[in-house]
Amino acid sequence: MDFREGGMWLYAMVSPKNEVHWCKAQYQNIEAFKSFIHTDSFCDENGNVVQDFPTSSRTNVFKANKDKTSVNITIQYDSLADLEQVIEMGFKEGFTMAMQNLDLYLEDESSIKEIKSSI
């Protein structure tokens, strides 16, 4: 992951049936401790965008609330058809799994200490 404006993150999503889908996030704007904006595209394992699948624009905004942080994620597609395509591909289930995995990661006390020490 190259988390800077102009950088990218190449990652694989693996389904419960072991199906692999590659994606890449390309970062446009980063405001430390406030927000970041990136496009998210389906690609091959080398980061070459697959044109048959929609690209989304994603805005992630963080807000401190005493000892907690709220995260608001807005995802936009160019058309309703693009949104319907990713929903048909299992977006809702995949995104839910990703958020559940993040919750598990954050519950691990050693992970929280590691995050705090890197800030």
C-alpha atoms as a PDB file:
ATOM      1  CA  MET A   1       0.000   0.000   0.000  1.00  0.00           C
ATOM      2  CA  ASP A   2       1.289   3.426  -0.980  1.00  0.00           C
ATOM      3  CA  PHE A   3      -0.960   5.688   1.118  1.00  0.00           C
ATOM      4  CA  ARG A   4      -0.212   9.119  -0.311  1.00  0.00           C
ATOM      5  CA  GLU A   5      -1.886  11.340  -2.888  1.00  0.00           C
ATOM      6  CA  GLY A   6      -1.177   9.668  -6.225  1.00  0.00           C
ATOM      7  CA  GLY A   7      -0.391   6.355  -4.500  1.00  0.00           C
ATOM      8  CA  MET A   8      -2.322   3.107  -4.751  1.00  0.00           C
ATOM      9  CA  TRP A   9      -3.290  -0.046  -2.876  1.00  0.00           C
ATOM     10  CA  LEU A  10      -3.531  -3.328  -4.798  1.00  0.00           C
ATOM     11  CA  TYR A  11      -5.613  -5.913  -2.942  1.00  0.00           C
ATOM     12  CA  ALA A  12      -7.497  -9.158  -3.451  1.00  0.00           C
ATOM     13  CA  MET A  13     -10.992  -9.942  -2.241  1.00  0.00           C
ATOM     14  CA  VAL A  14     -11.479 -13.653  -1.589  1.00  0.00           C
ATOM     15  CA  SER A  15     -15.008 -15.042  -1.337  1.00  0.00           C
ATOM     16  CA  PRO A  16     -16.068 -17.840   1.010  1.00  0.00           C
ATOM     17  CA  LYS A  17     -15.951 -20.053  -2.125  1.00  0.00           C
ATOM     18  CA  ASN A  18     -12.284 -19.022  -2.607  1.00  0.00           C
ATOM     19  CA  GLU A  19     -13.033 -16.859  -5.671  1.00  0.00           C
ATOM     20  CA  VAL A  20     -10.424 -14.120  -6.034  1.00  0.00           C
ATOM     21  CA  HIS A  21     -11.197 -10.625  -7.364  1.00  0.00           C
ATOM     22  CA  TRP A  22      -8.399  -8.066  -7.567  1.00  0.00           C
ATOM     23  CA  CYS A  23      -8.971  -4.354  -6.996  1.00  0.00           C
ATOM     24  CA  LYS A  24      -6.927  -1.245  -6.683  1.00  0.00           C
ATOM     25  CA  ALA A  25      -7.526   1.954  -4.808  1.00  0.00           C
ATOM     26  CA  GLN A  26      -5.933   5.085  -6.250  1.00  0.00           C
ATOM     27  CA  TYR A  27      -5.665   7.923  -3.730  1.00  0.00           C
ATOM     28  CA  GLN A  28      -6.584  11.439  -4.916  1.00  0.00           C
ATOM     29  CA  ASN A  29      -6.836  13.443  -1.705  1.00  0.00           C
ATOM     30  CA  ILE A  30      -5.669  12.756   1.849  1.00  0.00           C
ATOM     31  CA  GLU A  31      -6.235  15.042   4.840  1.00  0.00           C
ATOM     32  CA  ALA A  32      -4.422  13.479   7.801  1.00  0.00           C
ATOM     33  CA  PHE A  33      -6.791  12.387  10.581  1.00  0.00           C
ATOM     34  CA  LYS A  34      -9.784  13.859   8.685  1.00  0.00           C
ATOM     35  CA  SER A  35     -10.502  12.150   5.367  1.00  0.00           C
ATOM     36  CA  PHE A  36      -9.281  10.513   2.201  1.00  0.00           C
ATOM     37  CA  ILE A  37     -10.757  10.136  -1.276  1.00  0.00           C
ATOM     38  CA  HIS A  38      -9.915   7.396  -3.744  1.00  0.00           C
ATOM     39  CA  THR A  39     -11.224   5.585  -6.790  1.00  0.00           C
ATOM     40  CA  ASP A  40     -11.683   1.841  -6.512  1.00  0.00           C
ATOM     41  CA  SER A  41     -11.448  -0.322  -9.648  1.00  0.00           C
ATOM     42  CA  PHE A  42     -11.506  -4.010 -10.461  1.00  0.00           C
ATOM     43  CA  CYS A  43      -8.193  -5.046 -11.974  1.00  0.00           C
ATOM     44  CA  ASP A  44      -5.928  -8.018 -12.599  1.00  0.00           C
ATOM     45  CA  GLU A  45      -3.222  -9.123 -10.163  1.00  0.00           C
ATOM     46  CA  ASN A  46      -0.843  -6.607 -11.772  1.00  0.00           C
ATOM     47  CA  GLY A  47      -3.139  -3.619 -11.247  1.00  0.00           C
ATOM     48  CA  ASN A  48      -4.381  -3.339 -14.844  1.00  0.00           C
ATOM     49  CA  VAL A  49      -7.956  -2.037 -14.666  1.00  0.00           C
ATOM     50  CA  VAL A  50     -10.642  -4.356 -16.071  1.00  0.00           C
ATOM     51  CA  GLN A  51     -12.951  -2.150 -18.138  1.00  0.00           C
ATOM     52  CA  ASP A  52     -15.928  -4.566 -17.916  1.00  0.00           C
ATOM     53  CA  PHE A  53     -16.482  -3.648 -14.261  1.00  0.00           C
ATOM     54  CA  PRO A  54     -17.527  -0.322 -12.743  1.00  0.00           C
ATOM     55  CA  THR A  55     -15.170   2.028 -10.922  1.00  0.00           C
ATOM     56  CA  SER A  56     -16.362   3.808  -7.793  1.00  0.00           C
ATOM     57  CA  SER A  57     -15.358   7.023  -6.093  1.00  0.00           C
ATOM     58  CA  ARG A  58     -15.033   6.644  -2.323  1.00  0.00           C
ATOM     59  CA  THR A  59     -14.854   9.292   0.354  1.00  0.00           C
ATOM     60  CA  ASN A  60     -13.890   8.273   3.897  1.00  0.00           C
ATOM     61  CA  VAL A  61     -14.426  10.887   6.632  1.00  0.00           C
ATOM     62  CA  PHE A  62     -13.254  10.441  10.230  1.00  0.00           C
ATOM     63  CA  LYS A  63     -14.707  12.291  13.217  1.00  0.00           C
ATOM     64  CA  ALA A  64     -13.374  12.070  16.774  1.00  0.00           C
ATOM     65  CA  ASN A  65     -16.027  11.536  19.444  1.00  0.00           C
ATOM     66  CA  LYS A  66     -14.305  11.480  22.861  1.00  0.00           C
ATOM     67  CA  ASP A  67     -12.621   8.043  23.013  1.00  0.00           C
ATOM     68  CA  LYS A  68     -14.138   6.782  19.744  1.00  0.00           C
ATOM     69  CA  THR A  69     -13.875   7.669  16.080  1.00  0.00           C
ATOM     70  CA  SER A  70     -16.792   7.609  13.651  1.00  0.00           C
ATOM     71  CA  VAL A  71     -16.138   6.750  10.018  1.00  0.00           C
ATOM     72  CA  ASN A  72     -18.507   7.781   7.238  1.00  0.00           C
ATOM     73  CA  ILE A  73     -17.879   6.062   3.899  1.00  0.00           C
ATOM     74  CA  THR A  74     -19.619   7.401   0.789  1.00  0.00           C
ATOM     75  CA  ILE A  75     -19.394   5.302  -2.373  1.00  0.00           C
ATOM     76  CA  GLN A  76     -20.511   6.706  -5.736  1.00  0.00           C
ATOM     77  CA  TYR A  77     -20.903   5.025  -9.128  1.00  0.00           C
ATOM     78  CA  ASP A  78     -21.392   6.655 -12.522  1.00  0.00           C
ATOM     79  CA  SER A  79     -24.803   5.037 -13.004  1.00  0.00           C
ATOM     80  CA  LEU A  80     -27.510   2.982 -11.364  1.00  0.00           C
ATOM     81  CA  ALA A  81     -26.581   0.125 -13.721  1.00  0.00           C
ATOM     82  CA  ASP A  82     -23.013   0.163 -12.324  1.00  0.00           C
ATOM     83  CA  LEU A  83     -24.332  -0.004  -8.762  1.00  0.00           C
ATOM     84  CA  GLU A  84     -26.703  -2.838  -9.668  1.00  0.00           C
ATOM     85  CA  GLN A  85     -23.820  -4.739 -11.279  1.00  0.00           C
ATOM     86  CA  VAL A  86     -21.660  -4.666  -8.146  1.00  0.00           C
ATOM     87  CA  ILE A  87     -24.621  -5.540  -5.926  1.00  0.00           C
ATOM     88  CA  GLU A  88     -25.289  -8.561  -8.176  1.00  0.00           C
ATOM     89  CA  MET A  89     -21.620  -9.537  -7.765  1.00  0.00           C
ATOM     90  CA  GLY A  90     -22.015  -9.640  -3.957  1.00  0.00           C
ATOM     91  CA  PHE A  91     -20.905  -6.144  -2.921  1.00  0.00           C
ATOM     92  CA  LYS A  92     -23.240  -5.971   0.091  1.00  0.00           C
ATOM     93  CA  GLU A  93     -22.026  -9.276   1.499  1.00  0.00           C
ATOM     94  CA  GLY A  94     -18.378  -8.514   0.747  1.00  0.00           C
ATOM     95  CA  PHE A  95     -18.469  -5.041   2.274  1.00  0.00           C
ATOM     96  CA  THR A  96     -20.235  -6.400   5.360  1.00  0.00           C
ATOM     97  CA  MET A  97     -17.525  -9.067   5.743  1.00  0.00           C
ATOM     98  CA  ALA A  98     -14.801  -6.420   5.392  1.00  0.00           C
ATOM     99  CA  MET A  99     -16.350  -4.287   8.153  1.00  0.00           C
ATOM    100  CA  GLN A 100     -16.734  -7.341  10.404  1.00  0.00           C
ATOM    101  CA  ASN A 101     -13.072  -8.238   9.807  1.00  0.00           C
ATOM    102  CA  LEU A 102     -12.094  -4.672  10.709  1.00  0.00           C
ATOM    103  CA  ASP A 103     -14.119  -4.908  13.932  1.00  0.00           C
ATOM    104  CA  LEU A 104     -12.307  -8.122  14.874  1.00  0.00           C
ATOM    105  CA  TYR A 105      -8.952  -6.558  14.098  1.00  0.00           C
ATOM    106  CA  LEU A 106      -9.676  -3.489  16.206  1.00  0.00           C
ATOM    107  CA  GLU A 107     -10.880  -5.604  19.140  1.00  0.00           C
ATOM    108  CA  ASP A 108      -7.445  -7.190  19.401  1.00  0.00           C
ATOM    109  CA  GLU A 109      -5.679  -5.160  22.097  1.00  0.00           C
ATOM    110  CA  SER A 110      -2.254  -5.662  20.581  1.00  0.00           C
ATOM    111  CA  SER A 111      -3.497  -4.326  17.246  1.00  0.00           C
ATOM    112  CA  ILE A 112      -4.888  -1.212  18.927  1.00  0.00           C
ATOM    113  CA  LYS A 113      -1.557  -0.602  20.657  1.00  0.00           C
ATOM    114  CA  GLU A 114       0.236  -1.010  17.335  1.00  0.00           C
ATOM    115  CA  ILE A 115      -2.091   1.493  15.659  1.00  0.00           C
ATOM    116  CA  LYS A 116      -1.597   4.051  18.433  1.00  0.00           C
ATOM    117  CA  SER A 117       2.177   3.724  18.359  1.00  0.00           C
ATOM    118  CA  SER A 118       2.290   4.323  14.602  1.00  0.00           C
ATOM    119  CA  ILE A 119       0.317   7.588  14.791  1.00  0.00           C
END
